[in-house]
Amino acid sequence: MSKEYLVTLNVPPALDEMVADCLLVFEFEQGFSSLPVSAHHHENKGLSIAEQVTGRQKKIQFQMYVNGEDLAKLLLDLNENFSGSGIQYWVMPVLQNGVF
C-alpha cells in the first residue's frame, strides 16, 4: 500500500485558476478541493490597508490527497511554475481516509 499525504496550498486569489489548471494535470484519484479562506499572519508585507486593519488576507485553499510516488513531482512542478508567488503549503501524512 502506498503512503498517502494531504497537501494544502494557500494561494493568492489572482493565481486561483492557474493553480487549478496545474493540479488538474495530475488527475488525483480523489480529485481536489478548493475553498476561500482568510489567512492570518504577523507580517504585513504585501497586505492592503484593509487587510492590515482586519488582520486577515483572502486566499484560496486547495487540498488534495497525494500518494508518496507523486508527492515529489507535485512539489517540484508547483515550485517550477509558482516560485516567488507567495503560495504557502504544507504536507501531512494521512492516517486513514475513505468514503461513507
N, C-alpha and C. Protein backbone atom coordinates (compact mmCIF):
# COMPACT_ATOMS: atom_id res chain seq x y z
N MET A 1 0.84 -1.18 0.00
CA MET A 1 0.00 0.00 0.00
C MET A 1 0.89 1.24 0.00
N SER A 2 0.55 2.19 -0.82
CA SER A 2 1.31 3.43 -0.95
C SER A 2 0.96 4.40 0.17
N LYS A 3 1.97 5.06 0.69
CA LYS A 3 1.74 6.09 1.69
C LYS A 3 1.03 7.27 1.05
N GLU A 4 0.04 7.84 1.75
CA GLU A 4 -0.69 9.00 1.22
C GLU A 4 -0.45 10.22 2.08
N TYR A 5 -0.56 11.38 1.44
CA TYR A 5 -0.35 12.65 2.13
C TYR A 5 -1.49 13.60 1.78
N LEU A 6 -1.79 14.47 2.72
CA LEU A 6 -2.72 15.56 2.48
C LEU A 6 -1.89 16.80 2.23
N VAL A 7 -2.00 17.37 1.04
CA VAL A 7 -1.27 18.58 0.67
C VAL A 7 -2.26 19.74 0.71
N THR A 8 -1.89 20.80 1.40
CA THR A 8 -2.70 22.00 1.49
C THR A 8 -1.91 23.17 0.93
N LEU A 9 -2.55 23.94 0.07
CA LEU A 9 -1.95 25.14 -0.51
C LEU A 9 -2.82 26.34 -0.16
N ASN A 10 -2.22 27.45 0.27
CA ASN A 10 -2.91 28.73 0.41
C ASN A 10 -2.41 29.62 -0.70
N VAL A 11 -3.30 29.97 -1.61
CA VAL A 11 -2.95 30.60 -2.88
C VAL A 11 -3.55 32.00 -2.97
N PRO A 12 -2.78 32.98 -3.43
CA PRO A 12 -3.37 34.30 -3.70
C PRO A 12 -4.50 34.16 -4.72
N PRO A 13 -5.62 34.87 -4.52
CA PRO A 13 -6.76 34.72 -5.43
C PRO A 13 -6.43 34.92 -6.90
N ALA A 14 -5.47 35.76 -7.21
CA ALA A 14 -5.11 36.01 -8.61
C ALA A 14 -4.54 34.76 -9.29
N LEU A 15 -4.07 33.79 -8.50
CA LEU A 15 -3.48 32.57 -9.06
C LEU A 15 -4.43 31.37 -9.02
N ASP A 16 -5.64 31.59 -8.58
CA ASP A 16 -6.63 30.52 -8.40
C ASP A 16 -6.74 29.64 -9.64
N GLU A 17 -7.04 30.21 -10.78
CA GLU A 17 -7.25 29.42 -12.00
C GLU A 17 -5.98 28.73 -12.48
N MET A 18 -4.85 29.44 -12.38
CA MET A 18 -3.58 28.85 -12.83
C MET A 18 -3.21 27.63 -11.98
N VAL A 19 -3.40 27.73 -10.67
CA VAL A 19 -3.10 26.60 -9.80
C VAL A 19 -4.07 25.44 -10.06
N ALA A 20 -5.35 25.76 -10.21
CA ALA A 20 -6.34 24.71 -10.50
C ALA A 20 -5.97 23.98 -11.79
N ASP A 21 -5.57 24.72 -12.83
CA ASP A 21 -5.16 24.09 -14.09
C ASP A 21 -3.95 23.19 -13.89
N CYS A 22 -3.00 23.64 -13.09
CA CYS A 22 -1.80 22.85 -12.80
C CYS A 22 -2.18 21.56 -12.08
N LEU A 23 -3.08 21.65 -11.11
CA LEU A 23 -3.47 20.47 -10.35
C LEU A 23 -4.29 19.48 -11.18
N LEU A 24 -5.07 19.99 -12.12
CA LEU A 24 -5.88 19.11 -12.96
C LEU A 24 -5.02 18.17 -13.79
N VAL A 25 -3.81 18.58 -14.11
CA VAL A 25 -2.89 17.74 -14.89
C VAL A 25 -2.55 16.45 -14.14
N PHE A 26 -2.54 16.53 -12.81
CA PHE A 26 -2.14 15.37 -12.01
C PHE A 26 -3.21 14.30 -11.91
N GLU A 27 -4.45 14.61 -12.18
CA GLU A 27 -5.54 13.64 -12.14
C GLU A 27 -5.52 12.82 -10.84
N PHE A 28 -5.57 13.51 -9.71
CA PHE A 28 -5.60 12.83 -8.42
C PHE A 28 -6.80 11.90 -8.35
N GLU A 29 -6.58 10.73 -7.77
CA GLU A 29 -7.63 9.72 -7.70
C GLU A 29 -8.92 10.27 -7.08
N GLN A 30 -8.78 11.08 -6.03
CA GLN A 30 -9.95 11.62 -5.34
C GLN A 30 -10.19 13.09 -5.70
N GLY A 31 -9.54 13.58 -6.76
CA GLY A 31 -9.71 14.97 -7.13
C GLY A 31 -9.07 15.88 -6.10
N PHE A 32 -9.52 17.12 -6.06
CA PHE A 32 -9.04 18.05 -5.05
C PHE A 32 -10.16 19.02 -4.72
N SER A 33 -10.01 19.70 -3.61
CA SER A 33 -11.00 20.67 -3.16
C SER A 33 -10.37 22.05 -3.14
N SER A 34 -11.21 23.07 -3.33
CA SER A 34 -10.75 24.44 -3.17
C SER A 34 -11.84 25.23 -2.47
N LEU A 35 -11.42 26.17 -1.66
CA LEU A 35 -12.37 26.99 -0.92
C LEU A 35 -11.71 28.31 -0.53
N PRO A 36 -12.52 29.37 -0.41
CA PRO A 36 -11.96 30.65 0.05
C PRO A 36 -11.67 30.58 1.54
N VAL A 37 -10.55 31.12 1.95
CA VAL A 37 -10.18 31.16 3.37
C VAL A 37 -9.61 32.54 3.69
N SER A 38 -9.56 32.84 4.97
CA SER A 38 -8.88 34.04 5.46
C SER A 38 -7.58 33.60 6.10
N ALA A 39 -6.48 34.10 5.58
CA ALA A 39 -5.16 33.78 6.14
C ALA A 39 -4.78 34.86 7.14
N HIS A 40 -4.19 34.46 8.24
CA HIS A 40 -3.76 35.37 9.29
C HIS A 40 -2.27 35.20 9.48
N HIS A 41 -1.54 36.30 9.50
CA HIS A 41 -0.10 36.23 9.63
C HIS A 41 0.39 37.49 10.31
N HIS A 42 1.49 37.39 11.04
CA HIS A 42 2.01 38.55 11.77
C HIS A 42 2.74 39.54 10.88
N GLU A 43 3.13 39.15 9.67
CA GLU A 43 3.81 40.06 8.76
C GLU A 43 2.78 40.82 7.92
N ASN A 44 2.99 42.11 7.74
CA ASN A 44 2.08 42.93 6.93
C ASN A 44 2.55 43.09 5.50
N LYS A 45 3.63 42.42 5.14
CA LYS A 45 4.21 42.54 3.81
C LYS A 45 3.20 42.17 2.73
N GLY A 46 2.97 43.10 1.81
CA GLY A 46 2.07 42.84 0.69
C GLY A 46 0.60 42.95 1.00
N LEU A 47 0.25 43.33 2.21
CA LEU A 47 -1.17 43.44 2.58
C LEU A 47 -1.70 44.82 2.24
N SER A 48 -2.96 44.87 1.82
CA SER A 48 -3.62 46.16 1.61
C SER A 48 -3.88 46.79 2.98
N ILE A 49 -4.26 48.05 2.98
CA ILE A 49 -4.58 48.74 4.24
C ILE A 49 -5.73 48.02 4.95
N ALA A 50 -6.77 47.65 4.19
CA ALA A 50 -7.91 46.95 4.78
C ALA A 50 -7.48 45.63 5.40
N GLU A 51 -6.59 44.90 4.72
CA GLU A 51 -6.11 43.62 5.25
C GLU A 51 -5.27 43.83 6.50
N GLN A 52 -4.50 44.92 6.53
CA GLN A 52 -3.70 45.23 7.72
C GLN A 52 -4.61 45.54 8.91
N VAL A 53 -5.68 46.27 8.66
CA VAL A 53 -6.61 46.65 9.73
C VAL A 53 -7.36 45.43 10.26
N THR A 54 -7.84 44.59 9.37
CA THR A 54 -8.63 43.42 9.79
C THR A 54 -7.76 42.25 10.26
N GLY A 55 -6.49 42.25 9.84
CA GLY A 55 -5.60 41.16 10.23
C GLY A 55 -5.83 39.87 9.46
N ARG A 56 -6.47 39.99 8.32
CA ARG A 56 -6.72 38.79 7.52
C ARG A 56 -6.56 39.11 6.04
N GLN A 57 -6.13 38.10 5.32
CA GLN A 57 -5.92 38.23 3.90
C GLN A 57 -6.68 37.12 3.18
N LYS A 58 -7.37 37.48 2.12
CA LYS A 58 -8.13 36.48 1.35
C LYS A 58 -7.17 35.58 0.58
N LYS A 59 -7.41 34.30 0.67
CA LYS A 59 -6.65 33.28 -0.07
C LYS A 59 -7.63 32.23 -0.58
N ILE A 60 -7.17 31.42 -1.51
CA ILE A 60 -7.91 30.24 -1.94
C ILE A 60 -7.11 29.04 -1.47
N GLN A 61 -7.76 28.16 -0.74
CA GLN A 61 -7.07 26.98 -0.21
C GLN A 61 -7.43 25.77 -1.06
N PHE A 62 -6.40 25.05 -1.47
CA PHE A 62 -6.56 23.79 -2.20
C PHE A 62 -6.11 22.65 -1.29
N GLN A 63 -6.84 21.56 -1.32
CA GLN A 63 -6.44 20.36 -0.58
C GLN A 63 -6.60 19.15 -1.48
N MET A 64 -5.60 18.25 -1.41
CA MET A 64 -5.66 17.04 -2.20
C MET A 64 -4.90 15.92 -1.52
N TYR A 65 -5.38 14.68 -1.73
CA TYR A 65 -4.65 13.50 -1.30
C TYR A 65 -3.66 13.14 -2.39
N VAL A 66 -2.42 12.90 -2.01
CA VAL A 66 -1.37 12.58 -2.96
C VAL A 66 -0.63 11.34 -2.47
N ASN A 67 -0.41 10.38 -3.36
CA ASN A 67 0.37 9.22 -2.93
C ASN A 67 1.85 9.59 -2.91
N GLY A 68 2.61 8.81 -2.19
CA GLY A 68 4.03 9.10 -1.99
C GLY A 68 4.83 9.21 -3.27
N GLU A 69 4.46 8.42 -4.29
CA GLU A 69 5.19 8.46 -5.55
C GLU A 69 5.00 9.78 -6.29
N ASP A 70 3.85 10.41 -6.12
CA ASP A 70 3.53 11.64 -6.85
C ASP A 70 3.87 12.91 -6.07
N LEU A 71 4.14 12.79 -4.78
CA LEU A 71 4.35 13.98 -3.95
C LEU A 71 5.53 14.82 -4.42
N ALA A 72 6.67 14.20 -4.64
CA ALA A 72 7.86 14.95 -5.06
C ALA A 72 7.63 15.64 -6.39
N LYS A 73 6.97 14.96 -7.33
CA LYS A 73 6.69 15.56 -8.65
C LYS A 73 5.76 16.75 -8.51
N LEU A 74 4.73 16.63 -7.67
CA LEU A 74 3.80 17.73 -7.44
C LEU A 74 4.53 18.95 -6.89
N LEU A 75 5.33 18.75 -5.85
CA LEU A 75 6.04 19.87 -5.23
C LEU A 75 7.04 20.50 -6.19
N LEU A 76 7.72 19.68 -6.97
CA LEU A 76 8.66 20.20 -7.96
C LEU A 76 7.93 21.03 -9.02
N ASP A 77 6.82 20.51 -9.51
CA ASP A 77 6.04 21.21 -10.52
C ASP A 77 5.51 22.54 -9.99
N LEU A 78 4.98 22.54 -8.77
CA LEU A 78 4.49 23.78 -8.16
C LEU A 78 5.63 24.78 -7.99
N ASN A 79 6.79 24.31 -7.56
CA ASN A 79 7.94 25.20 -7.38
C ASN A 79 8.39 25.80 -8.71
N GLU A 80 8.42 24.97 -9.75
CA GLU A 80 8.84 25.46 -11.07
C GLU A 80 7.87 26.48 -11.64
N ASN A 81 6.58 26.27 -11.42
CA ASN A 81 5.56 27.15 -12.00
C ASN A 81 5.21 28.36 -11.15
N PHE A 82 5.43 28.29 -9.84
CA PHE A 82 4.94 29.34 -8.95
C PHE A 82 6.00 29.86 -7.98
N SER A 83 7.26 29.63 -8.25
CA SER A 83 8.33 30.11 -7.39
C SER A 83 8.22 31.63 -7.21
N GLY A 84 8.28 32.09 -5.96
CA GLY A 84 8.21 33.52 -5.66
C GLY A 84 6.81 34.09 -5.63
N SER A 85 5.78 33.25 -5.79
CA SER A 85 4.40 33.73 -5.87
C SER A 85 3.73 33.91 -4.51
N GLY A 86 4.38 33.43 -3.46
CA GLY A 86 3.79 33.56 -2.12
C GLY A 86 2.84 32.45 -1.74
N ILE A 87 2.79 31.38 -2.53
CA ILE A 87 1.93 30.24 -2.16
C ILE A 87 2.54 29.54 -0.96
N GLN A 88 1.75 29.41 0.07
CA GLN A 88 2.18 28.68 1.27
C GLN A 88 1.62 27.26 1.17
N TYR A 89 2.42 26.27 1.58
CA TYR A 89 1.94 24.89 1.51
C TYR A 89 2.40 24.11 2.73
N TRP A 90 1.70 23.04 3.01
CA TRP A 90 2.16 22.07 3.99
C TRP A 90 1.67 20.69 3.59
N VAL A 91 2.40 19.68 4.07
CA VAL A 91 2.16 18.29 3.72
C VAL A 91 2.03 17.51 5.02
N MET A 92 0.96 16.74 5.13
CA MET A 92 0.75 15.92 6.33
C MET A 92 0.45 14.49 5.92
N PRO A 93 0.99 13.52 6.67
CA PRO A 93 0.65 12.12 6.36
C PRO A 93 -0.82 11.85 6.68
N VAL A 94 -1.44 11.02 5.86
CA VAL A 94 -2.84 10.64 6.07
C VAL A 94 -2.86 9.31 6.80
N LEU A 95 -3.49 9.29 7.95
CA LEU A 95 -3.58 8.04 8.72
C LEU A 95 -4.69 7.15 8.20
N GLN A 96 -5.79 7.78 7.77
CA GLN A 96 -6.93 7.00 7.29
C GLN A 96 -7.80 7.93 6.45
N ASN A 97 -8.42 7.37 5.42
CA ASN A 97 -9.43 8.11 4.67
C ASN A 97 -10.38 7.12 4.04
N GLY A 98 -11.45 7.63 3.52
CA GLY A 98 -12.43 6.76 2.88
C GLY A 98 -13.64 7.55 2.46
N VAL A 99 -14.66 6.84 2.05
CA VAL A 99 -15.93 7.44 1.63
C VAL A 99 -17.04 6.72 2.37
N PHE A 100 -17.95 7.47 2.95
CA PHE A 100 -19.12 6.88 3.63
C PHE A 100 -20.34 6.95 2.74
